[in-house]
């Protein structure tokens, strides 16, 4: 049996959750998943981009106040 140091499962965000895409270095609001890709949009609105689940982590302090402050 082998162990992998990065064995934690990817973060599974809920709709509207603010997440961080460590591949691009951007924070985005989770809009949905299609074909294994997560669709993110800038907190203040704008063009969506896609991210792989393993590149996403939750943003500390996410919630209604975090979205209001980000926008």
N, C-alpha and C. Protein backbone atom coordinates (compact mmCIF):
# COMPACT_ATOMS: atom_id res chain seq x y z
N UNK A 1 0.86 -1.19 0.00
CA UNK A 1 0.00 0.00 0.00
C UNK A 1 0.89 1.24 0.00
N UNK A 2 0.67 2.13 -0.92
CA UNK A 2 1.47 3.35 -0.98
C UNK A 2 0.66 4.54 -0.51
N UNK A 3 1.36 5.49 0.03
CA UNK A 3 0.70 6.73 0.45
C UNK A 3 1.24 7.85 -0.39
N UNK A 4 0.39 8.77 -0.71
CA UNK A 4 0.76 9.91 -1.53
C UNK A 4 0.65 11.15 -0.66
N UNK A 5 1.67 12.03 -0.64
CA UNK A 5 1.61 13.21 0.23
C UNK A 5 0.46 14.16 -0.09
N UNK A 6 -0.08 14.08 -1.31
CA UNK A 6 -1.17 14.97 -1.71
C UNK A 6 -2.46 14.17 -1.90
N UNK A 7 -2.73 13.26 -0.96
CA UNK A 7 -3.87 12.36 -1.09
C UNK A 7 -5.19 13.01 -0.71
N UNK A 8 -5.18 14.26 -0.26
CA UNK A 8 -6.43 14.92 0.09
C UNK A 8 -7.29 15.09 -1.16
N UNK A 9 -8.58 14.80 -1.05
CA UNK A 9 -9.44 14.99 -2.22
C UNK A 9 -9.57 16.47 -2.56
N UNK A 10 -9.85 16.79 -3.83
CA UNK A 10 -10.03 18.19 -4.22
C UNK A 10 -11.20 18.82 -3.47
N UNK A 11 -11.12 20.12 -3.27
CA UNK A 11 -12.22 20.87 -2.63
C UNK A 11 -13.42 20.82 -3.56
N UNK A 12 -14.60 20.57 -2.99
CA UNK A 12 -15.85 20.54 -3.76
C UNK A 12 -16.68 21.75 -3.35
N UNK A 13 -16.57 22.85 -4.08
CA UNK A 13 -17.28 24.07 -3.69
C UNK A 13 -18.78 23.98 -3.92
N UNK A 14 -19.51 24.84 -3.19
CA UNK A 14 -20.95 24.96 -3.43
C UNK A 14 -21.18 26.18 -4.34
N UNK A 15 -22.30 26.21 -5.03
CA UNK A 15 -22.60 27.32 -5.93
C UNK A 15 -22.49 28.65 -5.21
N UNK A 16 -21.82 29.60 -5.81
CA UNK A 16 -21.66 30.92 -5.23
C UNK A 16 -20.50 31.06 -4.26
N UNK A 17 -19.79 29.97 -3.99
CA UNK A 17 -18.68 30.02 -3.03
C UNK A 17 -17.47 30.70 -3.65
N UNK A 18 -16.79 31.50 -2.86
CA UNK A 18 -15.56 32.14 -3.28
C UNK A 18 -14.41 31.15 -3.09
N UNK A 19 -13.68 30.88 -4.16
CA UNK A 19 -12.57 29.93 -4.12
C UNK A 19 -11.33 30.58 -4.71
N UNK A 20 -10.19 29.94 -4.48
CA UNK A 20 -8.92 30.43 -5.04
C UNK A 20 -8.40 29.40 -6.04
N UNK A 21 -8.07 29.85 -7.22
CA UNK A 21 -7.48 29.02 -8.27
C UNK A 21 -5.97 29.23 -8.19
N UNK A 22 -5.26 28.26 -7.62
CA UNK A 22 -3.82 28.47 -7.42
C UNK A 22 -3.05 28.38 -8.73
N UNK A 23 -3.65 27.86 -9.79
CA UNK A 23 -2.97 27.84 -11.09
C UNK A 23 -2.86 29.25 -11.67
N UNK A 24 -3.93 30.04 -11.54
CA UNK A 24 -3.92 31.39 -12.09
C UNK A 24 -3.61 32.45 -11.04
N UNK A 25 -3.73 32.08 -9.76
CA UNK A 25 -3.52 33.04 -8.68
C UNK A 25 -4.71 33.95 -8.44
N UNK A 26 -5.87 33.60 -9.01
CA UNK A 26 -7.06 34.44 -8.90
C UNK A 26 -8.10 33.83 -7.98
N UNK A 27 -8.88 34.70 -7.36
CA UNK A 27 -10.07 34.28 -6.63
C UNK A 27 -11.24 34.35 -7.59
N UNK A 28 -12.18 33.42 -7.43
CA UNK A 28 -13.35 33.41 -8.29
C UNK A 28 -14.55 32.83 -7.57
N UNK A 29 -15.72 33.16 -8.05
CA UNK A 29 -16.98 32.63 -7.53
C UNK A 29 -17.32 31.39 -8.34
N UNK A 30 -17.57 30.29 -7.65
CA UNK A 30 -17.89 29.03 -8.31
C UNK A 30 -19.28 29.12 -8.92
N UNK A 31 -19.36 28.87 -10.25
CA UNK A 31 -20.62 28.98 -10.98
C UNK A 31 -21.20 27.62 -11.37
N UNK A 32 -20.38 26.59 -11.40
CA UNK A 32 -20.87 25.27 -11.78
C UNK A 32 -19.75 24.41 -12.34
N UNK A 33 -20.09 23.16 -12.64
CA UNK A 33 -19.13 22.20 -13.20
C UNK A 33 -19.72 21.59 -14.46
N UNK A 34 -18.89 21.44 -15.46
CA UNK A 34 -19.30 20.76 -16.68
C UNK A 34 -18.08 20.04 -17.25
N UNK A 35 -18.24 18.77 -17.54
CA UNK A 35 -17.15 18.00 -18.12
C UNK A 35 -15.92 17.92 -17.23
N UNK A 36 -16.11 17.96 -15.93
CA UNK A 36 -15.00 17.89 -15.00
C UNK A 36 -14.29 19.21 -14.76
N UNK A 37 -14.68 20.26 -15.46
CA UNK A 37 -14.09 21.58 -15.30
C UNK A 37 -14.98 22.44 -14.41
N UNK A 38 -14.38 23.19 -13.50
CA UNK A 38 -15.13 24.11 -12.67
C UNK A 38 -15.14 25.47 -13.36
N UNK A 39 -16.30 26.10 -13.38
CA UNK A 39 -16.45 27.42 -13.99
C UNK A 39 -16.45 28.46 -12.89
N UNK A 40 -15.52 29.41 -13.01
CA UNK A 40 -15.35 30.47 -12.02
C UNK A 40 -15.54 31.81 -12.69
N UNK A 41 -16.01 32.77 -11.91
CA UNK A 41 -16.22 34.14 -12.41
C UNK A 41 -15.59 35.10 -11.40
N UNK A 42 -14.98 36.18 -11.84
CA UNK A 42 -14.43 37.16 -10.90
C UNK A 42 -15.51 37.62 -9.91
N UNK A 43 -15.15 37.88 -8.65
CA UNK A 43 -16.15 38.26 -7.64
C UNK A 43 -17.00 39.47 -8.02
N UNK A 44 -16.46 40.43 -8.73
CA UNK A 44 -17.22 41.61 -9.12
C UNK A 44 -17.94 41.46 -10.45
N UNK A 45 -17.88 40.26 -11.03
CA UNK A 45 -18.47 40.03 -12.35
C UNK A 45 -17.39 40.03 -13.40
N UNK A 46 -17.71 39.50 -14.54
CA UNK A 46 -16.73 39.45 -15.63
C UNK A 46 -16.77 38.12 -16.33
N UNK A 47 -15.73 37.85 -17.08
CA UNK A 47 -15.66 36.66 -17.93
C UNK A 47 -15.27 35.44 -17.11
N UNK A 48 -16.05 34.37 -17.28
CA UNK A 48 -15.75 33.11 -16.61
C UNK A 48 -14.46 32.50 -17.14
N UNK A 49 -13.83 31.68 -16.31
CA UNK A 49 -12.73 30.84 -16.75
C UNK A 49 -12.92 29.47 -16.13
N UNK A 50 -12.21 28.49 -16.65
CA UNK A 50 -12.32 27.14 -16.13
C UNK A 50 -11.09 26.79 -15.30
N UNK A 51 -11.31 25.88 -14.37
CA UNK A 51 -10.23 25.41 -13.51
C UNK A 51 -10.44 23.92 -13.24
N UNK A 52 -9.37 23.23 -13.02
CA UNK A 52 -9.46 21.83 -12.63
C UNK A 52 -9.69 21.75 -11.12
N UNK A 53 -10.44 20.76 -10.66
CA UNK A 53 -10.75 20.65 -9.23
C UNK A 53 -9.52 20.65 -8.33
N UNK A 54 -8.43 20.03 -8.77
CA UNK A 54 -7.23 19.97 -7.92
C UNK A 54 -6.52 21.31 -7.80
N UNK A 55 -6.90 22.30 -8.59
CA UNK A 55 -6.29 23.63 -8.52
C UNK A 55 -7.07 24.60 -7.63
N UNK A 56 -8.16 24.13 -7.05
CA UNK A 56 -9.07 25.00 -6.28
C UNK A 56 -8.96 24.73 -4.79
N UNK A 57 -9.02 25.81 -4.02
CA UNK A 57 -9.14 25.68 -2.56
C UNK A 57 -10.12 26.74 -2.08
N UNK A 58 -10.70 26.47 -0.93
CA UNK A 58 -11.65 27.42 -0.34
C UNK A 58 -10.90 28.68 0.10
N UNK A 59 -11.58 29.81 0.04
CA UNK A 59 -11.02 31.06 0.54
C UNK A 59 -11.49 31.21 1.98
N UNK A 60 -10.57 31.44 2.89
CA UNK A 60 -10.91 31.60 4.31
C UNK A 60 -11.86 32.77 4.48
N UNK A 61 -12.86 32.57 5.32
CA UNK A 61 -13.82 33.65 5.60
C UNK A 61 -14.87 33.80 4.54
N UNK A 62 -15.06 32.78 3.68
CA UNK A 62 -16.07 32.87 2.63
C UNK A 62 -17.45 32.94 3.25
N UNK A 63 -18.30 33.68 2.64
CA UNK A 63 -19.68 33.86 3.10
C UNK A 63 -20.23 35.12 2.50
N UNK A 64 -21.44 35.50 2.87
CA UNK A 64 -22.05 36.69 2.28
C UNK A 64 -21.21 37.94 2.45
N UNK A 65 -20.56 38.10 3.60
CA UNK A 65 -19.74 39.30 3.83
C UNK A 65 -18.52 39.30 2.91
N UNK A 66 -17.93 38.13 2.69
CA UNK A 66 -16.76 38.07 1.82
C UNK A 66 -17.11 38.47 0.40
N UNK A 67 -18.29 38.05 -0.08
CA UNK A 67 -18.73 38.42 -1.44
C UNK A 67 -19.03 39.91 -1.51
N UNK A 68 -19.64 40.47 -0.49
CA UNK A 68 -19.96 41.89 -0.48
C UNK A 68 -18.68 42.73 -0.49
N UNK A 69 -17.68 42.31 0.27
CA UNK A 69 -16.43 43.06 0.33
C UNK A 69 -15.63 42.91 -0.95
N UNK A 70 -15.72 41.72 -1.59
CA UNK A 70 -14.96 41.48 -2.81
C UNK A 70 -15.53 42.25 -3.99
N UNK A 71 -16.83 42.50 -3.98
CA UNK A 71 -17.47 43.15 -5.13
C UNK A 71 -17.48 44.59 -4.96
